[in-house]
PDB file of all heavy atoms in Angstrom:
ATOM      1  N   ILE A   1    -216.127-113.818  63.172  1.00  0.00           N
ATOM      2  CA  ILE A   1    -215.668-113.158  62.020  1.00  0.00           C
ATOM      3  C   ILE A   1    -214.161-113.105  62.137  1.00  0.00           C
ATOM      4  O   ILE A   1    -213.593-112.308  62.810  1.00  0.00           O
ATOM      5  CB  ILE A   1    -216.234-111.707  61.954  1.00  0.00           C
ATOM      6  CG1 ILE A   1    -217.791-111.729  61.927  1.00  0.00           C
ATOM      7  CG2 ILE A   1    -215.736-110.913  60.748  1.00  0.00           C
ATOM      8  CD1 ILE A   1    -218.453-110.439  62.019  1.00  0.00           C
ATOM      9  N   ASP A   2    -213.522-114.047  61.476  1.00  0.00           N
ATOM     10  CA  ASP A   2    -212.080-114.193  61.665  1.00  0.00           C
ATOM     11  C   ASP A   2    -211.291-114.256  60.373  1.00  0.00           C
ATOM     12  O   ASP A   2    -210.114-114.448  60.357  1.00  0.00           O
ATOM     13  CB  ASP A   2    -211.782-115.443  62.523  1.00  0.00           C
ATOM     14  CG  ASP A   2    -212.333-116.724  61.954  1.00  0.00           C
ATOM     15  OD1 ASP A   2    -212.910-116.673  60.855  1.00  0.00           O
ATOM     16  OD2 ASP A   2    -212.256-117.722  62.669  1.00  0.00           O
ATOM     17  N   HIS A   3    -211.944-114.021  59.236  1.00  0.00           N
ATOM     18  CA  HIS A   3    -211.256-114.069  57.968  1.00  0.00           C
ATOM     19  C   HIS A   3    -210.379-112.818  57.875  1.00  0.00           C
ATOM     20  O   HIS A   3    -210.733-111.744  58.293  1.00  0.00           O
ATOM     21  CB  HIS A   3    -212.293-114.046  56.836  1.00  0.00           C
ATOM     22  CG  HIS A   3    -211.664-114.380  55.505  1.00  0.00           C
ATOM     23  ND1 HIS A   3    -211.013-113.489  54.754  1.00  0.00           N
ATOM     24  CD2 HIS A   3    -211.572-115.577  54.829  1.00  0.00           C
ATOM     25  CE1 HIS A   3    -210.584-114.044  53.653  1.00  0.00           C
ATOM     26  NE2 HIS A   3    -210.908-115.299  53.686  1.00  0.00           N
ATOM     27  N   ALA A   4    -209.186-112.975  57.292  1.00  0.00           N
ATOM     28  CA  ALA A   4    -208.210-111.862  57.166  1.00  0.00           C
ATOM     29  C   ALA A   4    -208.803-110.695  56.381  1.00  0.00           C
ATOM     30  O   ALA A   4    -208.405-109.539  56.629  1.00  0.00           O
ATOM     31  CB  ALA A   4    -206.948-112.377  56.497  1.00  0.00           C
ATOM     32  N   PHE A   5    -209.716-110.946  55.502  1.00  0.00           N
ATOM     33  CA  PHE A   5    -210.378-109.858  54.701  1.00  0.00           C
ATOM     34  C   PHE A   5    -210.932-108.795  55.641  1.00  0.00           C
ATOM     35  O   PHE A   5    -210.878-107.578  55.358  1.00  0.00           O
ATOM     36  CB  PHE A   5    -211.457-110.434  53.813  1.00  0.00           C
ATOM     37  CG  PHE A   5    -212.255-109.380  53.063  1.00  0.00           C
ATOM     38  CD1 PHE A   5    -211.809-108.783  51.926  1.00  0.00           C
ATOM     39  CD2 PHE A   5    -213.491-108.978  53.585  1.00  0.00           C
ATOM     40  CE1 PHE A   5    -212.528-107.814  51.284  1.00  0.00           C
ATOM     41  CE2 PHE A   5    -214.251-107.992  52.957  1.00  0.00           C
ATOM     42  CZ  PHE A   5    -213.747-107.426  51.782  1.00  0.00           C
ATOM     43  N   TRP A   6    -211.538-109.209  56.751  1.00  0.00           N
ATOM     44  CA  TRP A   6    -212.260-108.315  57.682  1.00  0.00           C
ATOM     45  C   TRP A   6    -211.333-107.676  58.734  1.00  0.00           C
ATOM     46  O   TRP A   6    -211.728-106.713  59.395  1.00  0.00           O
ATOM     47  CB  TRP A   6    -213.387-109.003  58.383  1.00  0.00           C
ATOM     48  CG  TRP A   6    -214.471-109.352  57.417  1.00  0.00           C
ATOM     49  CD1 TRP A   6    -214.788-110.615  56.907  1.00  0.00           C
ATOM     50  CD2 TRP A   6    -215.403-108.461  56.834  1.00  0.00           C
ATOM     51  NE1 TRP A   6    -215.850-110.509  56.026  1.00  0.00           N
ATOM     52  CE2 TRP A   6    -216.250-109.197  55.975  1.00  0.00           C
ATOM     53  CE3 TRP A   6    -215.620-107.099  56.908  1.00  0.00           C
ATOM     54  CZ2 TRP A   6    -217.272-108.618  55.247  1.00  0.00           C
ATOM     55  CZ3 TRP A   6    -216.618-106.499  56.167  1.00  0.00           C
ATOM     56  CH2 TRP A   6    -217.428-107.227  55.370  1.00  0.00           C
ATOM     57  N   ALA A   7    -210.140-108.155  58.928  1.00  0.00           N
ATOM     58  CA  ALA A   7    -209.296-107.719  60.036  1.00  0.00           C
ATOM     59  C   ALA A   7    -209.017-106.159  59.933  1.00  0.00           C
ATOM     60  O   ALA A   7    -209.156-105.524  60.976  1.00  0.00           O
ATOM     61  CB  ALA A   7    -207.988-108.492  60.018  1.00  0.00           C
ATOM     62  N   PRO A   8    -208.654-105.577  58.850  1.00  0.00           N
ATOM     63  CA  PRO A   8    -208.400-104.159  58.815  1.00  0.00           C
ATOM     64  C   PRO A   8    -209.650-103.315  59.145  1.00  0.00           C
ATOM     65  O   PRO A   8    -209.605-102.342  59.838  1.00  0.00           O
ATOM     66  CB  PRO A   8    -207.900-103.849  57.390  1.00  0.00           C
ATOM     67  CG  PRO A   8    -207.460-105.156  56.835  1.00  0.00           C
ATOM     68  CD  PRO A   8    -208.292-106.200  57.557  1.00  0.00           C
ATOM     69  N   ARG A   9    -210.810-103.778  58.592  1.00  0.00           N
ATOM     70  CA  ARG A   9    -212.049-103.018  58.859  1.00  0.00           C
ATOM     71  C   ARG A   9    -212.419-103.100  60.317  1.00  0.00           C
ATOM     72  O   ARG A   9    -212.802-102.138  60.929  1.00  0.00           O
ATOM     73  CB  ARG A   9    -213.102-103.615  57.965  1.00  0.00           C
ATOM     74  CG  ARG A   9    -214.483-103.001  58.167  1.00  0.00           C
ATOM     75  CD  ARG A   9    -214.460-101.566  57.694  1.00  0.00           C
ATOM     76  NE  ARG A   9    -215.777-101.010  57.879  1.00  0.00           N
ATOM     77  CZ  ARG A   9    -216.009 -99.717  58.177  1.00  0.00           C
ATOM     78  NH1 ARG A   9    -215.065 -98.907  58.282  1.00  0.00           N
ATOM     79  NH2 ARG A   9    -217.225 -99.330  58.313  1.00  0.00           N
ATOM     80  N   ARG A  10    -212.297-104.314  60.910  1.00  0.00           N
ATOM     81  CA  ARG A  10    -212.672-104.471  62.309  1.00  0.00           C
ATOM     82  C   ARG A  10    -211.725-103.614  63.211  1.00  0.00           C
ATOM     83  O   ARG A  10    -212.160-103.028  64.178  1.00  0.00           O
ATOM     84  CB  ARG A  10    -212.539-105.918  62.718  1.00  0.00           C
ATOM     85  CG  ARG A  10    -213.648-106.767  62.083  1.00  0.00           C
ATOM     86  CD  ARG A  10    -213.533-108.237  62.462  1.00  0.00           C
ATOM     87  NE  ARG A  10    -213.765-108.347  63.870  1.00  0.00           N
ATOM     88  CZ  ARG A  10    -213.280-109.314  64.678  1.00  0.00           C
ATOM     89  NH1 ARG A  10    -212.526-110.254  64.045  1.00  0.00           N
ATOM     90  NH2 ARG A  10    -213.537-109.350  65.905  1.00  0.00           N
ATOM     91  N   GLU A  11    -210.461-103.542  62.865  1.00  0.00           N
ATOM     92  CA  GLU A  11    -209.526-102.697  63.666  1.00  0.00           C
ATOM     93  C   GLU A  11    -209.858-101.244  63.509  1.00  0.00           C
ATOM     94  O   GLU A  11    -209.830-100.482  64.484  1.00  0.00           O
ATOM     95  CB  GLU A  11    -208.065-102.954  63.162  1.00  0.00           C
ATOM     96  CG  GLU A  11    -207.037-102.194  63.908  1.00  0.00           C
ATOM     97  CD  GLU A  11    -206.890-102.657  65.359  1.00  0.00           C
ATOM     98  OE1 GLU A  11    -207.459-103.722  65.755  1.00  0.00           O
ATOM     99  OE2 GLU A  11    -206.234-101.952  66.134  1.00  0.00           O
ATOM    100  N   THR A  12    -210.217-100.797  62.288  1.00  0.00           N
ATOM    101  CA  THR A  12    -210.660 -99.379  62.144  1.00  0.00           C
ATOM    102  C   THR A  12    -211.864 -99.050  62.935  1.00  0.00           C
ATOM    103  O   THR A  12    -211.914 -98.010  63.641  1.00  0.00           O
ATOM    104  CB  THR A  12    -210.880 -99.113  60.645  1.00  0.00           C
ATOM    105  OG1 THR A  12    -209.654 -99.327  59.919  1.00  0.00           O
ATOM    106  CG2 THR A  12    -211.377 -97.696  60.439  1.00  0.00           C
ATOM    107  N   VAL A  13    -212.826 -99.907  62.939  1.00  0.00           N
ATOM    108  CA  VAL A  13    -214.058 -99.696  63.704  1.00  0.00           C
ATOM    109  C   VAL A  13    -213.755 -99.678  65.171  1.00  0.00           C
ATOM    110  O   VAL A  13    -214.208 -98.795  65.912  1.00  0.00           O
ATOM    111  CB  VAL A  13    -215.127-100.790  63.330  1.00  0.00           C
ATOM    112  CG1 VAL A  13    -216.259-100.774  64.349  1.00  0.00           C
ATOM    113  CG2 VAL A  13    -215.583-100.660  61.954  1.00  0.00           C
ATOM    114  N   ARG A  14    -212.917-100.625  65.648  1.00  0.00           N
ATOM    115  CA  ARG A  14    -212.563-100.704  67.089  1.00  0.00           C
ATOM    116  C   ARG A  14    -211.791 -99.480  67.580  1.00  0.00           C
ATOM    117  O   ARG A  14    -212.087 -98.921  68.597  1.00  0.00           O
ATOM    118  CB  ARG A  14    -211.826-101.949  67.368  1.00  0.00           C
ATOM    119  CG  ARG A  14    -211.483-102.185  68.831  1.00  0.00           C
ATOM    120  CD  ARG A  14    -210.702-103.492  69.061  1.00  0.00           C
ATOM    121  NE  ARG A  14    -209.303-103.340  68.551  1.00  0.00           N
ATOM    122  CZ  ARG A  14    -208.366-102.682  69.220  1.00  0.00           C
ATOM    123  NH1 ARG A  14    -208.650-102.086  70.357  1.00  0.00           N
ATOM    124  NH2 ARG A  14    -207.143-102.629  68.733  1.00  0.00           N
ATOM    125  N   THR A  15    -210.814 -99.058  66.785  1.00  0.00           N
ATOM    126  CA  THR A  15    -209.925 -97.982  67.237  1.00  0.00           C
ATOM    127  C   THR A  15    -210.292 -96.554  66.851  1.00  0.00           C
ATOM    128  O   THR A  15    -209.887 -95.627  67.476  1.00  0.00           O
ATOM    129  CB  THR A  15    -208.503 -98.236  66.715  1.00  0.00           C
ATOM    130  OG1 THR A  15    -208.464 -98.202  65.270  1.00  0.00           O
ATOM    131  CG2 THR A  15    -207.926 -99.603  67.192  1.00  0.00           C
ATOM    132  N   THR A  16    -211.122 -96.441  65.832  1.00  0.00           N
ATOM    133  CA  THR A  16    -211.449 -95.085  65.323  1.00  0.00           C
ATOM    134  C   THR A  16    -212.939 -94.795  65.312  1.00  0.00           C
ATOM    135  O   THR A  16    -213.414 -93.845  65.904  1.00  0.00           O
ATOM    136  CB  THR A  16    -210.908 -94.919  63.879  1.00  0.00           C
ATOM    137  OG1 THR A  16    -209.493 -95.187  63.900  1.00  0.00           O
ATOM    138  CG2 THR A  16    -211.151 -93.540  63.365  1.00  0.00           C
ATOM    139  N   THR A  17    -213.729 -95.662  64.641  1.00  0.00           N
ATOM    140  CA  THR A  17    -215.148 -95.391  64.486  1.00  0.00           C
ATOM    141  C   THR A  17    -215.920 -95.353  65.815  1.00  0.00           C
ATOM    142  O   THR A  17    -216.642 -94.408  66.138  1.00  0.00           O
ATOM    143  CB  THR A  17    -215.791 -96.434  63.520  1.00  0.00           C
ATOM    144  OG1 THR A  17    -215.033 -96.424  62.340  1.00  0.00           O
ATOM    145  CG2 THR A  17    -217.227 -96.089  63.232  1.00  0.00           C
ATOM    146  N   LEU A  18    -215.794 -96.436  66.581  1.00  0.00           N
ATOM    147  CA  LEU A  18    -216.556 -96.489  67.851  1.00  0.00           C
ATOM    148  C   LEU A  18    -216.153 -95.394  68.816  1.00  0.00           C
ATOM    149  O   LEU A  18    -217.046 -94.772  69.452  1.00  0.00           O
ATOM    150  CB  LEU A  18    -216.400 -97.897  68.473  1.00  0.00           C
ATOM    151  CG  LEU A  18    -217.115 -99.016  67.665  1.00  0.00           C
ATOM    152  CD1 LEU A  18    -216.784-100.353  68.306  1.00  0.00           C
ATOM    153  CD2 LEU A  18    -218.571 -98.769  67.570  1.00  0.00           C
ATOM    154  N   PRO A  19    -214.824 -95.141  69.051  1.00  0.00           N
ATOM    155  CA  PRO A  19    -214.481 -94.056  69.933  1.00  0.00           C
ATOM    156  C   PRO A  19    -215.078 -92.671  69.478  1.00  0.00           C
ATOM    157  O   PRO A  19    -215.553 -91.895  70.271  1.00  0.00           O
ATOM    158  CB  PRO A  19    -212.976 -93.991  70.007  1.00  0.00           C
ATOM    159  CG  PRO A  19    -212.585 -95.400  69.690  1.00  0.00           C
ATOM    160  CD  PRO A  19    -213.637 -95.882  68.705  1.00  0.00           C
ATOM    161  N   GLN A  20    -215.074 -92.450  68.190  1.00  0.00           N
ATOM    162  CA  GLN A  20    -215.575 -91.206  67.637  1.00  0.00           C
ATOM    163  C   GLN A  20    -217.057 -91.114  67.841  1.00  0.00           C
ATOM    164  O   GLN A  20    -217.627 -90.075  68.188  1.00  0.00           O
ATOM    165  CB  GLN A  20    -215.231 -90.998  66.183  1.00  0.00           C
ATOM    166  CG  GLN A  20    -215.886 -89.833  65.481  1.00  0.00           C
ATOM    167  CD  GLN A  20    -215.565 -88.512  66.153  1.00  0.00           C
ATOM    168  OE1 GLN A  20    -214.589 -88.328  66.828  1.00  0.00           O
ATOM    169  NE2 GLN A  20    -216.506 -87.580  66.088  1.00  0.00           N
ATOM    170  N   GLN A  21    -217.783 -92.184  67.588  1.00  0.00           N
ATOM    171  CA  GLN A  21    -219.219 -92.211  67.832  1.00  0.00           C
ATOM    172  C   GLN A  21    -219.541 -91.927  69.277  1.00  0.00           C
ATOM    173  O   GLN A  21    -220.474 -91.174  69.604  1.00  0.00           O
ATOM    174  CB  GLN A  21    -219.825 -93.512  67.352  1.00  0.00           C
ATOM    175  CG  GLN A  21    -219.850 -93.657  65.880  1.00  0.00           C
ATOM    176  CD  GLN A  21    -220.331 -95.033  65.451  1.00  0.00           C
ATOM    177  OE1 GLN A  21    -220.354 -95.992  66.184  1.00  0.00           O
ATOM    178  NE2 GLN A  21    -220.856 -95.074  64.226  1.00  0.00           N
ATOM    179  N   GLU A  22    -218.810 -92.573  70.153  1.00  0.00           N
ATOM    180  CA  GLU A  22    -219.032 -92.351  71.625  1.00  0.00           C
ATOM    181  C   GLU A  22    -218.798 -90.851  71.995  1.00  0.00           C
ATOM    182  O   GLU A  22    -219.606 -90.239  72.652  1.00  0.00           O
ATOM    183  CB  GLU A  22    -218.136 -93.194  72.507  1.00  0.00           C
ATOM    184  CG  GLU A  22    -218.359 -92.993  73.982  1.00  0.00           C
ATOM    185  CD  GLU A  22    -217.431 -93.704  74.847  1.00  0.00           C
ATOM    186  OE1 GLU A  22    -216.438 -94.325  74.357  1.00  0.00           O
ATOM    187  OE2 GLU A  22    -217.641 -93.677  76.063  1.00  0.00           O
ATOM    188  N   ARG A  23    -217.718 -90.274  71.487  1.00  0.00           N
ATOM    189  CA  ARG A  23    -217.453 -88.839  71.752  1.00  0.00           C
ATOM    190  C   ARG A  23    -218.579 -87.978  71.257  1.00  0.00           C
ATOM    191  O   ARG A  23    -219.028 -87.073  71.941  1.00  0.00           O
ATOM    192  CB  ARG A  23    -216.141 -88.429  71.123  1.00  0.00           C
ATOM    193  CG  ARG A  23    -214.885 -88.779  71.876  1.00  0.00           C
ATOM    194  CD  ARG A  23    -213.643 -88.096  71.328  1.00  0.00           C
ATOM    195  NE  ARG A  23    -213.350 -88.426  69.942  1.00  0.00           N
ATOM    196  CZ  ARG A  23    -212.638 -89.518  69.594  1.00  0.00           C
ATOM    197  NH1 ARG A  23    -212.184 -90.351  70.518  1.00  0.00           N
ATOM    198  NH2 ARG A  23    -212.408 -89.811  68.330  1.00  0.00           N
ATOM    199  N   GLN A  24    -219.050 -88.258  70.080  1.00  0.00           N
ATOM    200  CA  GLN A  24    -220.140 -87.411  69.473  1.00  0.00           C
ATOM    201  C   GLN A  24    -221.410 -87.582  70.307  1.00  0.00           C
ATOM    202  O   GLN A  24    -222.101 -86.597  70.583  1.00  0.00           O
ATOM    203  CB  GLN A  24    -220.348 -87.824  68.022  1.00  0.00           C
ATOM    204  CG  GLN A  24    -221.336 -86.935  67.301  1.00  0.00           C
ATOM    205  CD  GLN A  24    -220.921 -85.525  67.215  1.00  0.00           C
ATOM    206  OE1 GLN A  24    -219.725 -85.160  67.209  1.00  0.00           O
ATOM    207  NE2 GLN A  24    -221.856 -84.581  67.123  1.00  0.00           N
ATOM    208  N   LEU A  25    -221.779 -88.783  70.638  1.00  0.00           N
ATOM    209  CA  LEU A  25    -222.956 -89.001  71.438  1.00  0.00           C
ATOM    210  C   LEU A  25    -222.860 -88.310  72.834  1.00  0.00           C
ATOM    211  O   LEU A  25    -223.842 -87.809  73.334  1.00  0.00           O
ATOM    212  CB  LEU A  25    -223.248 -90.528  71.615  1.00  0.00           C
ATOM    213  CG  LEU A  25    -223.656 -91.235  70.342  1.00  0.00           C
ATOM    214  CD1 LEU A  25    -223.650 -92.743  70.569  1.00  0.00           C
ATOM    215  CD2 LEU A  25    -225.002 -90.735  69.848  1.00  0.00           C
ATOM    216  N   ARG A  26    -221.712 -88.323  73.414  1.00  0.00           N
ATOM    217  CA  ARG A  26    -221.513 -87.639  74.667  1.00  0.00           C
ATOM    218  C   ARG A  26    -221.599 -86.137  74.503  1.00  0.00           C
ATOM    219  O   ARG A  26    -222.218 -85.443  75.318  1.00  0.00           O
ATOM    220  CB  ARG A  26    -220.183 -88.008  75.318  1.00  0.00           C
ATOM    221  CG  ARG A  26    -220.204 -89.400  75.910  1.00  0.00           C
ATOM    222  CD  ARG A  26    -218.935 -89.691  76.670  1.00  0.00           C
ATOM    223  NE  ARG A  26    -218.836 -91.092  77.028  1.00  0.00           N
ATOM    224  CZ  ARG A  26    -219.504 -91.648  78.010  1.00  0.00           C
ATOM    225  NH1 ARG A  26    -220.383 -90.947  78.700  1.00  0.00           N
ATOM    226  NH2 ARG A  26    -219.402 -92.943  78.260  1.00  0.00           N
ATOM    227  N   THR A  27    -221.003 -85.618  73.414  1.00  0.00           N
ATOM    228  CA  THR A  27    -220.991 -84.173  73.157  1.00  0.00           C
ATOM    229  C   THR A  27    -222.355 -83.620  73.005  1.00  0.00           C
ATOM    230  O   THR A  27    -222.679 -82.564  73.550  1.00  0.00           O
ATOM    231  CB  THR A  27    -220.143 -83.853  71.861  1.00  0.00           C
ATOM    232  OG1 THR A  27    -218.792 -84.253  72.079  1.00  0.00           O
ATOM    233  CG2 THR A  27    -220.127 -82.406  71.538  1.00  0.00           C
ATOM    234  N   VAL A  28    -223.213 -84.291  72.297  1.00  0.00           N
ATOM    235  CA  VAL A  28    -224.583 -83.762  72.072  1.00  0.00           C
ATOM    236  C   VAL A  28    -225.561 -84.215  73.120  1.00  0.00           C
ATOM    237  O   VAL A  28    -226.719 -83.864  73.010  1.00  0.00           O
ATOM    238  CB  VAL A  28    -225.063 -84.122  70.643  1.00  0.00           C
ATOM    239  CG1 VAL A  28    -224.153 -83.544  69.548  1.00  0.00           C
ATOM    240  CG2 VAL A  28    -225.235 -85.643  70.462  1.00  0.00           C
ATOM    241  N   GLY A  29    -225.138 -84.986  74.053  1.00  0.00           N
ATOM    242  CA  GLY A  29    -226.020 -85.394  75.154  1.00  0.00           C
ATOM    243  C   GLY A  29    -226.852 -86.640  74.952  1.00  0.00           C
ATOM    244  O   GLY A  29    -227.746 -86.937  75.789  1.00  0.00           O
TER     245      GLY A  29
END
C-alpha cells in the first residue's frame, strides 16, 4: 500500500490509533 492517497491515513493509524488502542486494551486488562 504505497499510493499517496493512503499515506496520511496510514500515518494517523501508526502514530495515533494503534497506540491509543494498545493503551485502552492495557487499561481494561
